[in-house]
Amino acid sequence: MILNSLEFPEHDLEPPTMILSVPQCTSDSGEYNPVQEQGELSWCVHPDGTANHESLTRGSVQCSRNGTMLGKRSLGPVCPYSDKRPLVCTDQCMAAICHAHPDALCIMDVCDSCKPSFYK
């Protein structure tokens, strides 16, 4: 169920990126919060913390406790210039190294199989 979908020209949107982050847990039970967010992206996770990649949305999502997406409010396509399926990036930056700049920030491209890139 789509709660609200706003139309934006595709040329106004850049493909989003993700940084390495720890999944958020609920404060009362210590379970993974079924909705995870980073920047303008949100997605559902299953009870074991694994991502429901089909729920990745540029905007907000509503999720059941078992990780099923119940609804979303989309701000536009996740991958506006690509027909690739976006992925929730997890730990691709853990093994990536920028030898020239070891303190560079590693980001992952959700529209390119979570390919890591570095920015100083």
PDB file of N, CA and C in Angstrom:
ATOM      1  N   MET A   1       0.834  -1.174   0.000  1.00  0.00           N
ATOM      2  CA  MET A   1       0.000   0.000   0.000  1.00  0.00           C
ATOM      3  C   MET A   1       0.883   1.242   0.000  1.00  0.00           C
ATOM      4  N   ILE A   2       0.723   2.116  -0.959  1.00  0.00           N
ATOM      5  CA  ILE A   2       1.468   3.358  -1.016  1.00  0.00           C
ATOM      6  C   ILE A   2       0.646   4.428  -0.322  1.00  0.00           C
ATOM      7  N   LEU A   3       1.241   5.036   0.719  1.00  0.00           N
ATOM      8  CA  LEU A   3       0.533   6.055   1.470  1.00  0.00           C
ATOM      9  C   LEU A   3       0.480   7.371   0.706  1.00  0.00           C
ATOM     10  N   ASN A   4       1.613   7.740   0.111  1.00  0.00           N
ATOM     11  CA  ASN A   4       1.681   8.994  -0.616  1.00  0.00           C
ATOM     12  C   ASN A   4       2.897   8.935  -1.523  1.00  0.00           C
ATOM     13  N   SER A   5       2.759   9.284  -2.740  1.00  0.00           N
ATOM     14  CA  SER A   5       3.890   9.288  -3.667  1.00  0.00           C
ATOM     15  C   SER A   5       3.962  10.652  -4.319  1.00  0.00           C
ATOM     16  N   LEU A   6       5.088  11.317  -4.156  1.00  0.00           N
ATOM     17  CA  LEU A   6       5.277  12.626  -4.751  1.00  0.00           C
ATOM     18  C   LEU A   6       6.024  12.466  -6.061  1.00  0.00           C
ATOM     19  N   GLU A   7       5.668  13.211  -7.056  1.00  0.00           N
ATOM     20  CA  GLU A   7       6.327  13.119  -8.352  1.00  0.00           C
ATOM     21  C   GLU A   7       7.430  14.163  -8.434  1.00  0.00           C
ATOM     22  N   PHE A   8       8.637  13.713  -8.730  1.00  0.00           N
ATOM     23  CA  PHE A   8       9.773  14.598  -8.930  1.00  0.00           C
ATOM     24  C   PHE A   8      10.401  14.275 -10.268  1.00  0.00           C
ATOM     25  N   PRO A   9      10.851  15.266 -11.004  1.00  0.00           N
ATOM     26  CA  PRO A   9      11.568  14.968 -12.250  1.00  0.00           C
ATOM     27  C   PRO A   9      12.807  14.146 -11.921  1.00  0.00           C
ATOM     28  N   GLU A  10      13.048  13.093 -12.705  1.00  0.00           N
ATOM     29  CA  GLU A  10      14.166  12.214 -12.429  1.00  0.00           C
ATOM     30  C   GLU A  10      15.499  12.936 -12.449  1.00  0.00           C
ATOM     31  N   HIS A  11      15.642  13.979 -13.261  1.00  0.00           N
ATOM     32  CA  HIS A  11      16.931  14.647 -13.361  1.00  0.00           C
ATOM     33  C   HIS A  11      17.276  15.445 -12.106  1.00  0.00           C
ATOM     34  N   ASP A  12      16.328  15.657 -11.205  1.00  0.00           N
ATOM     35  CA  ASP A  12      16.589  16.390  -9.976  1.00  0.00           C
ATOM     36  C   ASP A  12      17.151  15.501  -8.870  1.00  0.00           C
ATOM     37  N   LEU A  13      17.122  14.187  -9.044  1.00  0.00           N
ATOM     38  CA  LEU A  13      17.534  13.272  -7.996  1.00  0.00           C
ATOM     39  C   LEU A  13      18.882  12.644  -8.311  1.00  0.00           C
ATOM     40  N   GLU A  14      19.732  12.563  -7.314  1.00  0.00           N
ATOM     41  CA  GLU A  14      21.004  11.866  -7.427  1.00  0.00           C
ATOM     42  C   GLU A  14      20.852  10.504  -6.769  1.00  0.00           C
ATOM     43  N   PRO A  15      21.571   9.500  -7.248  1.00  0.00           N
ATOM     44  CA  PRO A  15      21.510   8.204  -6.578  1.00  0.00           C
ATOM     45  C   PRO A  15      22.018   8.333  -5.148  1.00  0.00           C
ATOM     46  N   PRO A  16      21.309   7.780  -4.188  1.00  0.00           N
ATOM     47  CA  PRO A  16      21.732   7.889  -2.796  1.00  0.00           C
ATOM     48  C   PRO A  16      22.886   6.938  -2.483  1.00  0.00           C
ATOM     49  N   THR A  17      23.598   7.246  -1.428  1.00  0.00           N
ATOM     50  CA  THR A  17      24.673   6.388  -0.944  1.00  0.00           C
ATOM     51  C   THR A  17      24.430   6.090   0.523  1.00  0.00           C
ATOM     52  N   MET A  18      25.141   5.093   1.030  1.00  0.00           N
ATOM     53  CA  MET A  18      25.027   4.727   2.435  1.00  0.00           C
ATOM     54  C   MET A  18      26.415   4.649   3.043  1.00  0.00           C
ATOM     55  N   ILE A  19      26.490   4.895   4.347  1.00  0.00           N
ATOM     56  CA  ILE A  19      27.725   4.682   5.080  1.00  0.00           C
ATOM     57  C   ILE A  19      27.518   3.502   6.017  1.00  0.00           C
ATOM     58  N   LEU A  20      28.594   2.950   6.506  1.00  0.00           N
ATOM     59  CA  LEU A  20      28.515   1.840   7.437  1.00  0.00           C
ATOM     60  C   LEU A  20      27.846   2.320   8.716  1.00  0.00           C
ATOM     61  N   SER A  21      26.825   1.614   9.170  1.00  0.00           N
ATOM     62  CA  SER A  21      26.139   2.003  10.400  1.00  0.00           C
ATOM     63  C   SER A  21      25.605   0.764  11.107  1.00  0.00           C
ATOM     64  N   VAL A  22      25.382   0.914  12.379  1.00  0.00           N
ATOM     65  CA  VAL A  22      24.857  -0.171  13.202  1.00  0.00           C
ATOM     66  C   VAL A  22      23.340  -0.131  13.151  1.00  0.00           C
ATOM     67  N   PRO A  23      22.658  -1.268  12.906  1.00  0.00           N
ATOM     68  CA  PRO A  23      21.195  -1.268  12.914  1.00  0.00           C
ATOM     69  C   PRO A  23      20.652  -0.818  14.268  1.00  0.00           C
ATOM     70  N   GLN A  24      19.561  -0.099  14.234  1.00  0.00           N
ATOM     71  CA  GLN A  24      18.942   0.426  15.450  1.00  0.00           C
ATOM     72  C   GLN A  24      18.042  -0.613  16.095  1.00  0.00           C
ATOM     73  N   CYS A  25      18.067  -0.655  17.424  1.00  0.00           N
ATOM     74  CA  CYS A  25      17.236  -1.587  18.190  1.00  0.00           C
ATOM     75  C   CYS A  25      16.188  -0.815  18.972  1.00  0.00           C
ATOM     76  N   THR A  26      15.139  -1.511  19.371  1.00  0.00           N
ATOM     77  CA  THR A  26      14.121  -0.901  20.217  1.00  0.00           C
ATOM     78  C   THR A  26      14.673  -0.805  21.629  1.00  0.00           C
ATOM     79  N   SER A  27      14.288   0.222  22.345  1.00  0.00           N
ATOM     80  CA  SER A  27      14.821   0.420  23.696  1.00  0.00           C
ATOM     81  C   SER A  27      14.189  -0.514  24.716  1.00  0.00           C
ATOM     82  N   ASP A  28      12.967  -0.939  24.464  1.00  0.00           N
ATOM     83  CA  ASP A  28      12.281  -1.764  25.460  1.00  0.00           C
ATOM     84  C   ASP A  28      12.642  -3.244  25.393  1.00  0.00           C
ATOM     85  N   SER A  29      12.756  -3.808  24.203  1.00  0.00           N
ATOM     86  CA  SER A  29      12.986  -5.253  24.103  1.00  0.00           C
ATOM     87  C   SER A  29      14.376  -5.615  23.586  1.00  0.00           C
ATOM     88  N   GLY A  30      15.090  -4.654  23.030  1.00  0.00           N
ATOM     89  CA  GLY A  30      16.402  -4.931  22.473  1.00  0.00           C
ATOM     90  C   GLY A  30      16.360  -5.603  21.115  1.00  0.00           C
ATOM     91  N   GLU A  31      15.177  -5.775  20.530  1.00  0.00           N
ATOM     92  CA  GLU A  31      15.050  -6.344  19.197  1.00  0.00           C
ATOM     93  C   GLU A  31      15.360  -5.268  18.161  1.00  0.00           C
ATOM     94  N   TYR A  32      15.647  -5.706  16.939  1.00  0.00           N
ATOM     95  CA  TYR A  32      15.882  -4.743  15.871  1.00  0.00           C
ATOM     96  C   TYR A  32      14.608  -3.966  15.605  1.00  0.00           C
ATOM     97  N   ASN A  33      14.749  -2.661  15.441  1.00  0.00           N
ATOM     98  CA  ASN A  33      13.616  -1.836  15.056  1.00  0.00           C
ATOM     99  C   ASN A  33      13.218  -2.269  13.646  1.00  0.00           C
ATOM    100  N   PRO A  34      11.952  -2.571  13.384  1.00  0.00           N
ATOM    101  CA  PRO A  34      11.563  -3.040  12.048  1.00  0.00           C
ATOM    102  C   PRO A  34      11.793  -2.012  10.946  1.00  0.00           C
ATOM    103  N   VAL A  35      11.883  -0.728  11.290  1.00  0.00           N
ATOM    104  CA  VAL A  35      12.168   0.328  10.322  1.00  0.00           C
ATOM    105  C   VAL A  35      13.575   0.853  10.598  1.00  0.00           C
ATOM    106  N   GLN A  36      14.417   0.803   9.575  1.00  0.00           N
ATOM    107  CA  GLN A  36      15.762   1.363   9.664  1.00  0.00           C
ATOM    108  C   GLN A  36      15.842   2.541   8.703  1.00  0.00           C
ATOM    109  N   GLU A  37      16.638   3.550   9.066  1.00  0.00           N
ATOM    110  CA  GLU A  37      16.728   4.751   8.248  1.00  0.00           C
ATOM    111  C   GLU A  37      18.172   5.240   8.179  1.00  0.00           C
ATOM    112  N   GLN A  38      18.497   5.838   7.044  1.00  0.00           N
ATOM    113  CA  GLN A  38      19.779   6.516   6.878  1.00  0.00           C
ATOM    114  C   GLN A  38      19.589   7.596   5.837  1.00  0.00           C
ATOM    115  N   GLY A  39      19.763   8.830   6.247  1.00  0.00           N
ATOM    116  CA  GLY A  39      19.523   9.950   5.337  1.00  0.00           C
ATOM    117  C   GLY A  39      18.082   9.927   4.856  1.00  0.00           C
ATOM    118  N   GLU A  40      17.890  10.010   3.548  1.00  0.00           N
ATOM    119  CA  GLU A  40      16.530  10.009   2.995  1.00  0.00           C
ATOM    120  C   GLU A  40      16.036   8.596   2.687  1.00  0.00           C
ATOM    121  N   LEU A  41      16.812   7.581   3.017  1.00  0.00           N
ATOM    122  CA  LEU A  41      16.431   6.188   2.756  1.00  0.00           C
ATOM    123  C   LEU A  41      15.841   5.531   3.995  1.00  0.00           C
ATOM    124  N   SER A  42      14.888   4.657   3.777  1.00  0.00           N
ATOM    125  CA  SER A  42      14.367   3.824   4.860  1.00  0.00           C
ATOM    126  C   SER A  42      14.011   2.459   4.284  1.00  0.00           C
ATOM    127  N   TRP A  43      14.012   1.438   5.173  1.00  0.00           N
ATOM    128  CA  TRP A  43      13.740   0.070   4.751  1.00  0.00           C
ATOM    129  C   TRP A  43      13.300  -0.749   5.950  1.00  0.00           C
ATOM    130  N   CYS A  44      12.740  -1.900   5.662  1.00  0.00           N
ATOM    131  CA  CYS A  44      12.296  -2.831   6.702  1.00  0.00           C
ATOM    132  C   CYS A  44      13.384  -3.866   6.953  1.00  0.00           C
ATOM    133  N   VAL A  45      13.436  -4.357   8.194  1.00  0.00           N
ATOM    134  CA  VAL A  45      14.327  -5.465   8.514  1.00  0.00           C
ATOM    135  C   VAL A  45      13.526  -6.586   9.167  1.00  0.00           C
ATOM    136  N   HIS A  46      14.005  -7.802   8.945  1.00  0.00           N
ATOM    137  CA  HIS A  46      13.415  -8.982   9.555  1.00  0.00           C
ATOM    138  C   HIS A  46      13.844  -9.052  11.021  1.00  0.00           C
ATOM    139  N   PRO A  47      13.189  -9.879  11.833  1.00  0.00           N
ATOM    140  CA  PRO A  47      13.539  -9.955  13.266  1.00  0.00           C
ATOM    141  C   PRO A  47      15.013 -10.255  13.537  1.00  0.00           C
ATOM    142  N   ASP A  48      15.700 -10.937  12.622  1.00  0.00           N
ATOM    143  CA  ASP A  48      17.124 -11.232  12.832  1.00  0.00           C
ATOM    144  C   ASP A  48      18.024 -10.086  12.365  1.00  0.00           C
ATOM    145  N   GLY A  49      17.446  -8.983  11.898  1.00  0.00           N
ATOM    146  CA  GLY A  49      18.209  -7.811  11.485  1.00  0.00           C
ATOM    147  C   GLY A  49      18.564  -7.766  10.015  1.00  0.00           C
ATOM    148  N   THR A  50      18.241  -8.812   9.249  1.00  0.00           N
ATOM    149  CA  THR A  50      18.548  -8.789   7.818  1.00  0.00           C
ATOM    150  C   THR A  50      17.562  -7.871   7.092  1.00  0.00           C
ATOM    151  N   ALA A  51      18.089  -7.186   6.087  1.00  0.00           N
ATOM    152  CA  ALA A  51      17.297  -6.199   5.355  1.00  0.00           C
ATOM    153  C   ALA A  51      16.307  -6.846   4.407  1.00  0.00           C
ATOM    154  N   ASN A  52      15.157  -6.238   4.281  1.00  0.00           N
ATOM    155  CA  ASN A  52      14.185  -6.559   3.244  1.00  0.00           C
ATOM    156  C   ASN A  52      14.501  -5.596   2.094  1.00  0.00           C
ATOM    157  N   HIS A  53      15.348  -6.034   1.146  1.00  0.00           N
ATOM    158  CA  HIS A  53      15.828  -5.156   0.077  1.00  0.00           C
ATOM    159  C   HIS A  53      14.694  -4.569  -0.759  1.00  0.00           C
ATOM    160  N   GLU A  54      13.608  -5.316  -0.930  1.00  0.00           N
ATOM    161  CA  GLU A  54      12.489  -4.827  -1.740  1.00  0.00           C
ATOM    162  C   GLU A  54      11.804  -3.623  -1.098  1.00  0.00           C
ATOM    163  N   SER A  55      12.028  -3.400   0.192  1.00  0.00           N
ATOM    164  CA  SER A  55      11.379  -2.284   0.876  1.00  0.00           C
ATOM    165  C   SER A  55      12.192  -0.994   0.834  1.00  0.00           C
ATOM    166  N   LEU A  56      13.427  -1.030   0.314  1.00  0.00           N
ATOM    167  CA  LEU A  56      14.279   0.169   0.291  1.00  0.00           C
ATOM    168  C   LEU A  56      13.561   1.289  -0.454  1.00  0.00           C
ATOM    169  N   THR A  57      13.385   2.408   0.227  1.00  0.00           N
ATOM    170  CA  THR A  57      12.576   3.513  -0.284  1.00  0.00           C
ATOM    171  C   THR A  57      13.280   4.833  -0.048  1.00  0.00           C
ATOM    172  N   ARG A  58      13.219   5.716  -1.019  1.00  0.00           N
ATOM    173  CA  ARG A  58      13.651   7.099  -0.832  1.00  0.00           C
ATOM    174  C   ARG A  58      12.435   7.794  -0.241  1.00  0.00           C
ATOM    175  N   GLY A  59      12.422   7.902   1.065  1.00  0.00           N
ATOM    176  CA  GLY A  59      11.271   8.417   1.790  1.00  0.00           C
ATOM    177  C   GLY A  59      11.108   7.635   3.076  1.00  0.00           C
ATOM    178  N   SER A  60       9.879   7.285   3.413  1.00  0.00           N
ATOM    179  CA  SER A  60       9.629   6.565   4.669  1.00  0.00           C
ATOM    180  C   SER A  60       8.797   5.311   4.405  1.00  0.00           C
ATOM    181  N   VAL A  61       8.976   4.327   5.278  1.00  0.00           N
ATOM    182  CA  VAL A  61       8.231   3.073   5.170  1.00  0.00           C
ATOM    183  C   VAL A  61       7.548   2.754   6.493  1.00  0.00           C
ATOM    184  N   GLN A  62       6.520   1.944   6.401  1.00  0.00           N
ATOM    185  CA  GLN A  62       5.880   1.349   7.567  1.00  0.00           C
ATOM    186  C   GLN A  62       6.077  -0.149   7.436  1.00  0.00           C
ATOM    187  N   CYS A  63       6.529  -0.785   8.530  1.00  0.00           N
ATOM    188  CA  CYS A  63       6.878  -2.204   8.472  1.00  0.00           C
ATOM    189  C   CYS A  63       6.207  -2.976   9.600  1.00  0.00           C
ATOM    190  N   SER A  64       5.934  -4.239   9.325  1.00  0.00           N
ATOM    191  CA  SER A  64       5.436  -5.132  10.375  1.00  0.00           C
ATOM    192  C   SER A  64       6.629  -5.600  11.197  1.00  0.00           C
ATOM    193  N   ARG A  65       6.371  -6.245  12.301  1.00  0.00           N
ATOM    194  CA  ARG A  65       7.447  -6.749  13.165  1.00  0.00           C
ATOM    195  C   ARG A  65       8.265  -7.842  12.474  1.00  0.00           C
ATOM    196  N   ASN A  66       7.671  -8.494  11.458  1.00  0.00           N
ATOM    197  CA  ASN A  66       8.415  -9.560  10.770  1.00  0.00           C
ATOM    198  C   ASN A  66       9.165  -9.054   9.537  1.00  0.00           C
ATOM    199  N   GLY A  67       9.183  -7.737   9.303  1.00  0.00           N
ATOM    200  CA  GLY A  67       9.965  -7.172   8.214  1.00  0.00           C
ATOM    201  C   GLY A  67       9.222  -6.964   6.914  1.00  0.00           C
ATOM    202  N   THR A  68       7.927  -7.192   6.902  1.00  0.00           N
ATOM    203  CA  THR A  68       7.122  -6.964   5.708  1.00  0.00           C
ATOM    204  C   THR A  68       6.771  -5.482   5.610  1.00  0.00           C
ATOM    205  N   MET A  69       6.920  -4.910   4.420  1.00  0.00           N
ATOM    206  CA  MET A  69       6.551  -3.518   4.234  1.00  0.00           C
ATOM    207  C   MET A  69       5.034  -3.407   4.151  1.00  0.00           C
ATOM    208  N   LEU A  70       4.470  -2.573   5.009  1.00  0.00           N
ATOM    209  CA  LEU A  70       3.025  -2.366   5.039  1.00  0.00           C
ATOM    210  C   LEU A  70       2.614  -1.149   4.218  1.00  0.00           C
ATOM    211  N   GLY A  71       3.512  -0.192   4.087  1.00  0.00           N
ATOM    212  CA  GLY A  71       3.214   1.016   3.330  1.00  0.00           C
ATOM    213  C   GLY A  71       4.465   1.852   3.188  1.00  0.00           C
ATOM    214  N   LYS A  72       4.399   2.843   2.305  1.00  0.00           N
ATOM    215  CA  LYS A  72       5.539   3.730   2.125  1.00  0.00           C
ATOM    216  C   LYS A  72       5.089   5.090   1.649  1.00  0.00           C
ATOM    217  N   ARG A  73       5.947   6.061   1.884  1.00  0.00           N
ATOM    218  CA  ARG A  73       5.776   7.410   1.341  1.00  0.00           C
ATOM    219  C   ARG A  73       7.037   7.683   0.546  1.00  0.00           C
ATOM    220  N   SER A  74       6.925   7.608  -0.750  1.00  0.00           N
ATOM    221  CA  SER A  74       8.077   7.702  -1.634  1.00  0.00           C
ATOM    222  C   SER A  74       8.324   9.141  -2.066  1.00  0.00           C
ATOM    223  N   LEU A  75       9.604   9.539  -2.038  1.00  0.00           N
ATOM    224  CA  LEU A  75       9.996  10.858  -2.517  1.00  0.00           C
ATOM    225  C   LEU A  75      10.536  10.798  -3.940  1.00  0.00           C
ATOM    226  N   GLY A  76      10.479   9.624  -4.548  1.00  0.00           N
ATOM    227  CA  GLY A  76      10.977   9.425  -5.898  1.00  0.00           C
ATOM    228  C   GLY A  76      11.713   8.103  -5.976  1.00  0.00           C
ATOM    229  N   PRO A  77      12.196   7.752  -7.160  1.00  0.00           N
ATOM    230  CA  PRO A  77      12.876   6.472  -7.317  1.00  0.00           C
ATOM    231  C   PRO A  77      14.206   6.449  -6.550  1.00  0.00           C
ATOM    232  N   VAL A  78      14.572   5.289  -6.035  1.00  0.00           N
ATOM    233  CA  VAL A  78      15.852   5.155  -5.352  1.00  0.00           C
ATOM    234  C   VAL A  78      16.984   5.296  -6.356  1.00  0.00           C
ATOM    235  N   CYS A  79      16.869   4.658  -7.502  1.00  0.00           N
ATOM    236  CA  CYS A  79      17.898   4.708  -8.552  1.00  0.00           C
ATOM    237  C   CYS A  79      17.327   5.396  -9.782  1.00  0.00           C
ATOM    238  N   PRO A  80      17.347   6.730  -9.822  1.00  0.00           N
ATOM    239  CA  PRO A  80      16.669   7.453 -10.895  1.00  0.00           C
ATOM    240  C   PRO A  80      17.276   7.278 -12.281  1.00  0.00           C
ATOM    241  N   TYR A  81      18.549   6.958 -12.392  1.00  0.00           N
ATOM    242  CA  TYR A  81      19.188   6.862 -13.704  1.00  0.00           C
ATOM    243  C   TYR A  81      19.591   5.441 -14.033  1.00  0.00           C
ATOM    244  N   SER A  82      18.975   4.480 -13.395  1.00  0.00           N
ATOM    245  CA  SER A  82      19.418   3.105 -13.567  1.00  0.00           C
ATOM    246  C   SER A  82      18.230   2.166 -13.510  1.00  0.00           C
ATOM    247  N   ASP A  83      18.349   1.061 -14.212  1.00  0.00           N
ATOM    248  CA  ASP A  83      17.330   0.028 -14.108  1.00  0.00           C
ATOM    249  C   ASP A  83      17.771  -1.047 -13.122  1.00  0.00           C
ATOM    250  N   LYS A  84      18.881  -0.792 -12.415  1.00  0.00           N
ATOM    251  CA  LYS A  84      19.369  -1.749 -11.428  1.00  0.00           C
ATOM    252  C   LYS A  84      18.485  -1.738 -10.192  1.00  0.00           C
ATOM    253  N   ARG A  85      18.394  -2.893  -9.562  1.00  0.00           N
ATOM    254  CA  ARG A  85      17.628  -3.030  -8.332  1.00  0.00           C
ATOM    255  C   ARG A  85      18.465  -2.488  -7.172  1.00  0.00           C
ATOM    256  N   PRO A  86      17.949  -1.524  -6.418  1.00  0.00           N
ATOM    257  CA  PRO A  86      18.725  -0.998  -5.293  1.00  0.00           C
ATOM    258  C   PRO A  86      18.851  -2.035  -4.180  1.00  0.00           C
ATOM    259  N   LEU A  87      19.959  -1.948  -3.453  1.00  0.00           N
ATOM    260  CA  LEU A  87      20.210  -2.853  -2.338  1.00  0.00           C
ATOM    261  C   LEU A  87      20.475  -2.059  -1.079  1.00  0.00           C
ATOM    262  N   VAL A  88      20.061  -2.596   0.053  1.00  0.00           N
ATOM    263  CA  VAL A  88      20.436  -2.033   1.343  1.00  0.00           C
ATOM    264  C   VAL A  88      21.883  -2.469   1.589  1.00  0.00           C
ATOM    265  N   CYS A  89      22.769  -1.514   1.711  1.00  0.00           N
ATOM    266  CA  CYS A  89      24.186  -1.822   1.909  1.00  0.00           C
ATOM    267  C   CYS A  89      24.454  -2.082   3.388  1.00  0.00           C
ATOM    268  N   THR A  90      25.300  -3.055   3.646  1.00  0.00           N
ATOM    269  CA  THR A  90      25.565  -3.417   5.045  1.00  0.00           C
ATOM    270  C   THR A  90      27.030  -3.241   5.406  1.00  0.00           C
ATOM    271  N   ASP A  91      27.869  -4.181   5.026  1.00  0.00           N
ATOM    272  CA  ASP A  91      29.243  -4.161   5.512  1.00  0.00           C
ATOM    273  C   ASP A  91      30.294  -4.130   4.409  1.00  0.00           C
ATOM    274  N   GLN A  92      29.950  -3.676   3.227  1.00  0.00           N
ATOM    275  CA  GLN A  92      30.895  -3.657   2.115  1.00  0.00           C
ATOM    276  C   GLN A  92      32.105  -2.769   2.405  1.00  0.00           C
ATOM    277  N   CYS A  93      31.950  -1.773   3.251  1.00  0.00           N
ATOM    278  CA  CYS A  93      33.071  -0.892   3.593  1.00  0.00           C
ATOM    279  C   CYS A  93      34.015  -1.522   4.617  1.00  0.00           C
ATOM    280  N   MET A  94      33.606  -2.597   5.257  1.00  0.00           N
ATOM    281  CA  MET A  94      34.462  -3.223   6.264  1.00  0.00           C
ATOM    282  C   MET A  94      35.754  -3.759   5.642  1.00  0.00           C
ATOM    283  N   ALA A  95      35.674  -4.277   4.437  1.00  0.00           N
ATOM    284  CA  ALA A  95      36.846  -4.863   3.788  1.00  0.00           C
ATOM    285  C   ALA A  95      37.482  -3.923   2.764  1.00  0.00           C
ATOM    286  N   ALA A  96      36.885  -2.768   2.539  1.00  0.00           N
ATOM    287  CA  ALA A  96      37.407  -1.829   1.542  1.00  0.00           C
ATOM    288  C   ALA A  96      38.452  -0.916   2.178  1.00  0.00           C
ATOM    289  N   ILE A  97      39.531  -0.697   1.457  1.00  0.00           N
ATOM    290  CA  ILE A  97      40.627   0.133   1.966  1.00  0.00           C
ATOM    291  C   ILE A  97      41.045   1.121   0.892  1.00  0.00           C
ATOM    292  N   CYS A  98      41.261   2.354   1.297  1.00  0.00           N
ATOM    293  CA  CYS A  98      41.830   3.359   0.417  1.00  0.00           C
ATOM    294  C   CYS A  98      43.262   3.575   0.899  1.00  0.00           C
ATOM    295  N   HIS A  99      44.205   2.942   0.234  1.00  0.00           N
ATOM    296  CA  HIS A  99      45.599   2.999   0.673  1.00  0.00           C
ATOM    297  C   HIS A  99      46.172   4.419   0.608  1.00  0.00           C
ATOM    298  N   ALA A 100      45.756   5.199  -0.370  1.00  0.00           N
ATOM    299  CA  ALA A 100      46.278   6.553  -0.520  1.00  0.00           C
ATOM    300  C   ALA A 100      45.776   7.495   0.578  1.00  0.00           C
ATOM    301  N   HIS A 101      44.563   7.212   1.082  1.00  0.00           N
ATOM    302  CA  HIS A 101      43.954   8.064   2.114  1.00  0.00           C
ATOM    303  C   HIS A 101      43.249   7.171   3.138  1.00  0.00           C
ATOM    304  N   PRO A 102      43.977   6.591   4.097  1.00  0.00           N
ATOM    305  CA  PRO A 102      43.366   5.657   5.044  1.00  0.00           C
ATOM    306  C   PRO A 102      42.257   6.255   5.908  1.00  0.00           C
ATOM    307  N   ASP A 103      42.215   7.580   6.043  1.00  0.00           N
ATOM    308  CA  ASP A 103      41.172   8.215   6.859  1.00  0.00           C
ATOM    309  C   ASP A 103      39.979   8.679   6.020  1.00  0.00           C
ATOM    310  N   ALA A 104      39.950   8.332   4.738  1.00  0.00           N
ATOM    311  CA  ALA A 104      38.839   8.730   3.860  1.00  0.00           C
ATOM    312  C   ALA A 104      37.548   8.025   4.277  1.00  0.00           C
ATOM    313  N   LEU A 105      36.436   8.680   4.039  1.00  0.00           N
ATOM    314  CA  LEU A 105      35.114   8.128   4.346  1.00  0.00           C
ATOM    315  C   LEU A 105      34.696   7.164   3.248  1.00  0.00           C
ATOM    316  N   CYS A 106      34.327   5.966   3.639  1.00  0.00           N
ATOM    317  CA  CYS A 106      33.841   4.972   2.686  1.00  0.00           C
ATOM    318  C   CYS A 106      32.325   5.099   2.579  1.00  0.00           C
ATOM    319  N   ILE A 107      31.829   5.215   1.354  1.00  0.00           N
ATOM    320  CA  ILE A 107      30.383   5.222   1.117  1.00  0.00           C
ATOM    321  C   ILE A 107      30.061   4.114   0.125  1.00  0.00           C
ATOM    322  N   MET A 108      28.827   3.626   0.178  1.00  0.00           N
ATOM    323  CA  MET A 108      28.401   2.520  -0.671  1.00  0.00           C
ATOM    324  C   MET A 108      27.264   2.985  -1.571  1.00  0.00           C
ATOM    325  N   ASP A 109      27.327   2.610  -2.837  1.00  0.00           N
ATOM    326  CA  ASP A 109      26.340   3.008  -3.837  1.00  0.00           C
ATOM    327  C   ASP A 109      25.210   1.983  -3.877  1.00  0.00           C
ATOM    328  N   VAL A 110      24.029   2.361  -3.397  1.00  0.00           N
ATOM    329  CA  VAL A 110      22.892   1.441  -3.350  1.00  0.00           C
ATOM    330  C   VAL A 110      22.408   1.049  -4.742  1.00  0.00           C
ATOM    331  N   CYS A 111      22.777   1.830  -5.758  1.00  0.00           N
ATOM    332  CA  CYS A 111      22.337   1.564  -7.129  1.00  0.00           C
ATOM    333  C   CYS A 111      23.399   0.831  -7.952  1.00  0.00           C
ATOM    334  N   ASP A 112      24.518   0.467  -7.325  1.00  0.00           N
ATOM    335  CA  ASP A 112      25.590  -0.235  -8.022  1.00  0.00           C
ATOM    336  C   ASP A 112      26.127  -1.360  -7.135  1.00  0.00           C
ATOM    337  N   SER A 113      25.243  -2.239  -6.687  1.00  0.00           N
ATOM    338  CA  SER A 113      25.599  -3.417  -5.884  1.00  0.00           C
ATOM    339  C   SER A 113      26.405  -3.066  -4.650  1.00  0.00           C
ATOM    340  N   CYS A 114      26.161  -1.887  -4.086  1.00  0.00           N
ATOM    341  CA  CYS A 114      26.826  -1.404  -2.859  1.00  0.00           C
ATOM    342  C   CYS A 114      28.329  -1.239  -3.045  1.00  0.00           C
ATOM    343  N   LYS A 115      28.735  -0.893  -4.253  1.00  0.00           N
ATOM    344  CA  LYS A 115      30.145  -0.664  -4.558  1.00  0.00           C
ATOM    345  C   LYS A 115      30.691   0.455  -3.675  1.00  0.00           C
ATOM    346  N   PRO A 116      31.804   0.186  -2.961  1.00  0.00           N
ATOM    347  CA  PRO A 116      32.371   1.236  -2.099  1.00  0.00           C
ATOM    348  C   PRO A 116      33.173   2.269  -2.898  1.00  0.00           C
ATOM    349  N   SER A 117      33.110   3.509  -2.431  1.00  0.00           N
ATOM    350  CA  SER A 117      33.912   4.611  -2.948  1.00  0.00           C
ATOM    351  C   SER A 117      34.425   5.381  -1.740  1.00  0.00           C
ATOM    352  N   PHE A 118      35.454   6.176  -1.942  1.00  0.00           N
ATOM    353  CA  PHE A 118      36.058   6.904  -0.821  1.00  0.00           C
ATOM    354  C   PHE A 118      36.051   8.393  -1.078  1.00  0.00           C
ATOM    355  N   TYR A 119      35.810   9.155  -0.007  1.00  0.00           N
ATOM    356  CA  TYR A 119      35.820  10.608  -0.062  1.00  0.00           C
ATOM    357  C   TYR A 119      36.622  11.122   1.111  1.00  0.00           C
ATOM    358  N   LYS A 120      37.482  12.083   0.830  1.00  0.00           N
ATOM    359  CA  LYS A 120      38.310  12.677   1.872  1.00  0.00           C
ATOM    360  C   LYS A 120      37.725  13.999   2.294  1.00  0.00           C
TER     361      LYS A 120
END
